Amino acid sequence: MDLSNYSKPTQREIDRAETDLLIVISQLTGRKFAQLAGWHESKISKTNWRDIATIFCIARMAVEVSPIGRAIQDAYQAIGKKKSPTAVTGEDSQIDMLF
């Protein structure tokens, strides 16, 4: 069921994305955020963050099904899951020291 792809994002996904956005925004002041975005400060308070969260969720879903998105996911899985080789193997794992 976790691997199912529905036609629209779930309410939980949108809530989570909105919360993440609000946390990021709360780390900056409204004035600083407006300066970074190149907006007037009043635009920050009028922004509907729920709509932006919905857009992010839909964009994520689009990336999951697009050929480029799948290629990036496959590359990440191939590269990201490599483990570093172990230097010590088998019987040689114990070292004896004589003084």
N, C-alpha and C. Protein backbone atom coordinates (compact mmCIF):
# COMPACT_ATOMS: atom_id res chain seq x y z
N MET A 1 0.80 -1.19 0.00
CA MET A 1 0.00 0.00 0.00
C MET A 1 0.85 1.26 0.00
N ASP A 2 2.04 1.22 0.63
CA ASP A 2 2.92 2.38 0.64
C ASP A 2 3.44 2.73 -0.75
N LEU A 3 3.50 1.74 -1.62
CA LEU A 3 4.04 1.97 -2.95
C LEU A 3 2.97 2.43 -3.94
N SER A 4 1.73 2.53 -3.52
CA SER A 4 0.65 2.94 -4.39
C SER A 4 0.81 4.40 -4.78
N ASN A 5 0.44 4.71 -6.00
CA ASN A 5 0.52 6.08 -6.47
C ASN A 5 -0.90 6.54 -6.79
N TYR A 6 -1.44 7.43 -6.00
CA TYR A 6 -2.79 7.90 -6.20
C TYR A 6 -2.77 9.11 -7.13
N SER A 7 -3.94 9.52 -7.60
CA SER A 7 -4.03 10.60 -8.56
C SER A 7 -3.78 11.97 -7.93
N LYS A 8 -3.88 12.07 -6.63
CA LYS A 8 -3.59 13.34 -5.97
C LYS A 8 -2.94 13.07 -4.62
N PRO A 9 -2.23 14.06 -4.08
CA PRO A 9 -1.57 13.86 -2.79
C PRO A 9 -2.58 13.71 -1.67
N THR A 10 -2.19 12.96 -0.65
CA THR A 10 -3.08 12.76 0.49
C THR A 10 -3.06 14.00 1.39
N GLN A 11 -4.06 14.09 2.22
CA GLN A 11 -4.15 15.21 3.16
C GLN A 11 -2.95 15.21 4.11
N ARG A 12 -2.52 14.03 4.49
CA ARG A 12 -1.37 13.91 5.41
C ARG A 12 -0.09 14.43 4.76
N GLU A 13 0.12 14.12 3.49
CA GLU A 13 1.31 14.60 2.78
C GLU A 13 1.30 16.13 2.69
N ILE A 14 0.14 16.69 2.39
CA ILE A 14 0.04 18.15 2.29
C ILE A 14 0.26 18.79 3.66
N ASP A 15 -0.31 18.21 4.71
CA ASP A 15 -0.12 18.73 6.07
C ASP A 15 1.36 18.72 6.45
N ARG A 16 2.03 17.63 6.12
CA ARG A 16 3.45 17.51 6.44
C ARG A 16 4.28 18.54 5.69
N ALA A 17 4.00 18.70 4.40
CA ALA A 17 4.73 19.68 3.59
C ALA A 17 4.48 21.10 4.10
N GLU A 18 3.24 21.40 4.46
CA GLU A 18 2.91 22.72 4.98
C GLU A 18 3.64 22.97 6.30
N THR A 19 3.67 21.99 7.16
CA THR A 19 4.38 22.13 8.43
C THR A 19 5.86 22.37 8.20
N ASP A 20 6.46 21.62 7.27
CA ASP A 20 7.88 21.82 6.95
C ASP A 20 8.14 23.23 6.44
N LEU A 21 7.26 23.71 5.56
CA LEU A 21 7.41 25.08 5.06
C LEU A 21 7.32 26.10 6.18
N LEU A 22 6.34 25.95 7.05
CA LEU A 22 6.16 26.91 8.13
C LEU A 22 7.32 26.88 9.12
N ILE A 23 7.90 25.71 9.33
CA ILE A 23 9.07 25.62 10.21
C ILE A 23 10.24 26.37 9.60
N VAL A 24 10.46 26.18 8.31
CA VAL A 24 11.57 26.87 7.64
C VAL A 24 11.35 28.37 7.67
N ILE A 25 10.13 28.79 7.41
CA ILE A 25 9.83 30.22 7.38
C ILE A 25 9.95 30.83 8.76
N SER A 26 9.57 30.09 9.79
CA SER A 26 9.64 30.63 11.15
C SER A 26 11.07 30.83 11.62
N GLN A 27 12.02 30.19 10.97
CA GLN A 27 13.41 30.36 11.36
C GLN A 27 13.94 31.73 10.91
N LEU A 28 13.27 32.33 9.94
CA LEU A 28 13.63 33.67 9.49
C LEU A 28 12.53 34.63 9.92
N THR A 29 12.85 35.89 10.00
CA THR A 29 11.80 36.87 10.21
C THR A 29 11.08 37.10 8.88
N GLY A 30 9.88 37.61 8.95
CA GLY A 30 9.14 37.91 7.72
C GLY A 30 9.88 38.89 6.84
N ARG A 31 10.53 39.85 7.46
CA ARG A 31 11.30 40.87 6.71
C ARG A 31 12.48 40.22 5.99
N LYS A 32 13.20 39.36 6.68
CA LYS A 32 14.37 38.70 6.08
C LYS A 32 13.94 37.76 4.95
N PHE A 33 12.85 37.03 5.18
CA PHE A 33 12.34 36.13 4.14
C PHE A 33 11.93 36.93 2.90
N ALA A 34 11.26 38.06 3.12
CA ALA A 34 10.85 38.90 2.00
C ALA A 34 12.07 39.44 1.24
N GLN A 35 13.11 39.82 1.94
CA GLN A 35 14.33 40.30 1.29
C GLN A 35 14.95 39.20 0.44
N LEU A 36 15.04 37.99 0.98
CA LEU A 36 15.64 36.88 0.24
C LEU A 36 14.82 36.53 -1.00
N ALA A 37 13.50 36.66 -0.91
CA ALA A 37 12.62 36.32 -2.02
C ALA A 37 12.48 37.48 -3.01
N GLY A 38 12.87 38.66 -2.59
CA GLY A 38 12.70 39.83 -3.44
C GLY A 38 11.26 40.32 -3.47
N TRP A 39 10.51 40.08 -2.39
CA TRP A 39 9.11 40.45 -2.29
C TRP A 39 8.95 41.59 -1.30
N HIS A 40 7.77 42.20 -1.35
CA HIS A 40 7.40 43.16 -0.32
C HIS A 40 7.00 42.36 0.93
N GLU A 41 7.24 42.93 2.08
CA GLU A 41 6.98 42.21 3.34
C GLU A 41 5.52 41.81 3.52
N SER A 42 4.59 42.58 2.98
CA SER A 42 3.16 42.26 3.13
C SER A 42 2.78 41.00 2.37
N LYS A 43 3.55 40.65 1.35
CA LYS A 43 3.24 39.45 0.56
C LYS A 43 3.44 38.18 1.39
N ILE A 44 4.34 38.21 2.34
CA ILE A 44 4.62 37.03 3.17
C ILE A 44 3.39 36.66 3.99
N SER A 45 2.74 37.65 4.59
CA SER A 45 1.58 37.35 5.44
C SER A 45 0.37 36.94 4.61
N LYS A 46 0.32 37.33 3.35
CA LYS A 46 -0.82 37.00 2.50
C LYS A 46 -0.64 35.69 1.74
N THR A 47 0.53 35.11 1.82
CA THR A 47 0.82 33.88 1.07
C THR A 47 0.05 32.70 1.65
N ASN A 48 -0.55 31.92 0.78
CA ASN A 48 -1.27 30.72 1.21
C ASN A 48 -0.28 29.55 1.16
N TRP A 49 0.29 29.23 2.30
CA TRP A 49 1.34 28.20 2.37
C TRP A 49 0.78 26.81 2.09
N ARG A 50 -0.50 26.62 2.32
CA ARG A 50 -1.13 25.33 2.03
C ARG A 50 -1.12 25.06 0.53
N ASP A 51 -1.38 26.10 -0.27
CA ASP A 51 -1.33 25.93 -1.73
C ASP A 51 0.09 25.60 -2.19
N ILE A 52 1.06 26.24 -1.61
CA ILE A 52 2.45 25.97 -1.97
C ILE A 52 2.84 24.55 -1.56
N ALA A 53 2.40 24.11 -0.40
CA ALA A 53 2.67 22.74 0.05
C ALA A 53 2.04 21.73 -0.92
N THR A 54 0.83 22.03 -1.39
CA THR A 54 0.16 21.15 -2.36
C THR A 54 0.95 21.08 -3.66
N ILE A 55 1.46 22.21 -4.10
CA ILE A 55 2.28 22.24 -5.31
C ILE A 55 3.53 21.37 -5.14
N PHE A 56 4.18 21.47 -3.98
CA PHE A 56 5.36 20.64 -3.74
C PHE A 56 5.03 19.16 -3.77
N CYS A 57 3.91 18.78 -3.18
CA CYS A 57 3.50 17.37 -3.16
C CYS A 57 3.22 16.87 -4.57
N ILE A 58 2.54 17.67 -5.37
CA ILE A 58 2.24 17.28 -6.75
C ILE A 58 3.53 17.19 -7.57
N ALA A 59 4.44 18.13 -7.36
CA ALA A 59 5.72 18.09 -8.08
C ALA A 59 6.51 16.84 -7.72
N ARG A 60 6.48 16.46 -6.44
CA ARG A 60 7.18 15.24 -6.02
C ARG A 60 6.58 14.02 -6.71
N MET A 61 5.26 13.98 -6.78
CA MET A 61 4.60 12.86 -7.45
C MET A 61 4.96 12.82 -8.94
N ALA A 62 5.05 13.99 -9.57
CA ALA A 62 5.39 14.05 -10.98
C ALA A 62 6.82 13.56 -11.22
N VAL A 63 7.71 13.90 -10.32
CA VAL A 63 9.11 13.46 -10.45
C VAL A 63 9.20 11.94 -10.29
N GLU A 64 8.36 11.37 -9.42
CA GLU A 64 8.40 9.93 -9.19
C GLU A 64 8.01 9.14 -10.43
N VAL A 65 7.18 9.68 -11.29
CA VAL A 65 6.71 8.93 -12.45
C VAL A 65 7.38 9.37 -13.75
N SER A 66 8.14 10.46 -13.74
CA SER A 66 8.79 10.92 -14.96
C SER A 66 10.06 10.09 -15.22
N PRO A 67 10.46 9.96 -16.48
CA PRO A 67 11.68 9.20 -16.79
C PRO A 67 12.93 9.79 -16.13
N ILE A 68 13.03 11.09 -16.10
CA ILE A 68 14.20 11.72 -15.46
C ILE A 68 14.18 11.46 -13.96
N GLY A 69 13.00 11.58 -13.35
CA GLY A 69 12.89 11.32 -11.92
C GLY A 69 13.25 9.89 -11.57
N ARG A 70 12.80 8.96 -12.40
CA ARG A 70 13.15 7.54 -12.15
C ARG A 70 14.64 7.31 -12.31
N ALA A 71 15.25 7.94 -13.30
CA ALA A 71 16.70 7.79 -13.51
C ALA A 71 17.47 8.32 -12.31
N ILE A 72 17.03 9.44 -11.76
CA ILE A 72 17.70 10.01 -10.58
C ILE A 72 17.51 9.10 -9.38
N GLN A 73 16.31 8.55 -9.20
CA GLN A 73 16.07 7.63 -8.09
C GLN A 73 16.92 6.38 -8.23
N ASP A 74 17.01 5.84 -9.44
CA ASP A 74 17.82 4.64 -9.66
C ASP A 74 19.30 4.92 -9.40
N ALA A 75 19.78 6.09 -9.84
CA ALA A 75 21.18 6.44 -9.60
C ALA A 75 21.44 6.61 -8.10
N TYR A 76 20.51 7.22 -7.39
CA TYR A 76 20.67 7.40 -5.96
C TYR A 76 20.71 6.05 -5.24
N GLN A 77 19.82 5.15 -5.65
CA GLN A 77 19.80 3.83 -5.02
C GLN A 77 21.08 3.06 -5.31
N ALA A 78 21.61 3.20 -6.51
CA ALA A 78 22.83 2.48 -6.87
C ALA A 78 24.04 3.05 -6.14
N ILE A 79 24.11 4.36 -6.01
CA ILE A 79 25.27 4.99 -5.39
C ILE A 79 25.11 5.08 -3.88
N GLY A 80 23.91 5.41 -3.41
CA GLY A 80 23.68 5.66 -2.00
C GLY A 80 23.74 4.45 -1.11
N LYS A 81 23.57 3.26 -1.65
CA LYS A 81 23.52 2.06 -0.82
C LYS A 81 24.84 1.30 -0.76
N LYS A 82 25.89 1.83 -1.36
CA LYS A 82 27.18 1.15 -1.31
C LYS A 82 27.76 1.24 0.09
N LYS A 83 28.31 0.14 0.55
CA LYS A 83 28.95 0.10 1.85
C LYS A 83 30.45 0.10 1.64
N SER A 84 31.15 0.68 2.58
CA SER A 84 32.60 0.68 2.48
C SER A 84 33.11 -0.73 2.79
N PRO A 85 34.13 -1.17 2.07
CA PRO A 85 34.65 -2.52 2.31
C PRO A 85 35.31 -2.61 3.68
N THR A 86 35.21 -3.76 4.29
CA THR A 86 35.84 -3.96 5.59
C THR A 86 37.28 -4.38 5.37
N ALA A 87 38.14 -3.86 6.22
CA ALA A 87 39.57 -4.14 6.08
C ALA A 87 39.94 -5.48 6.68
N VAL A 88 39.22 -5.91 7.67
CA VAL A 88 39.55 -7.14 8.39
C VAL A 88 38.51 -8.20 8.05
N THR A 89 38.98 -9.37 7.64
CA THR A 89 38.06 -10.45 7.32
C THR A 89 38.54 -11.76 7.93
N GLY A 90 37.60 -12.59 8.25
CA GLY A 90 37.91 -13.97 8.65
C GLY A 90 38.68 -14.11 9.93
N GLU A 91 39.70 -15.02 9.90
CA GLU A 91 40.45 -15.40 11.09
C GLU A 91 41.43 -14.32 11.54
N ASP A 92 41.79 -13.42 10.68
CA ASP A 92 42.81 -12.43 11.01
C ASP A 92 42.25 -11.25 11.80
N SER A 93 41.09 -11.40 12.35
CA SER A 93 40.46 -10.28 13.05
C SER A 93 41.02 -10.05 14.45
N GLN A 94 41.85 -10.96 14.97
CA GLN A 94 42.42 -10.78 16.29
C GLN A 94 43.90 -10.51 16.15
N ILE A 95 44.41 -9.53 16.90
CA ILE A 95 45.83 -9.15 16.83
C ILE A 95 46.49 -9.53 18.15
N ASP A 96 47.63 -10.21 18.08
CA ASP A 96 48.40 -10.56 19.26
C ASP A 96 49.59 -9.63 19.36
N MET A 97 49.78 -9.08 20.54
CA MET A 97 50.93 -8.19 20.76
C MET A 97 51.76 -8.74 21.90
N LEU A 98 53.04 -8.84 21.70
CA LEU A 98 53.96 -9.30 22.72
C LEU A 98 54.87 -8.16 23.13
N PHE A 99 55.06 -8.03 24.45
CA PHE A 99 55.95 -6.98 24.96
C PHE A 99 57.12 -7.58 25.64
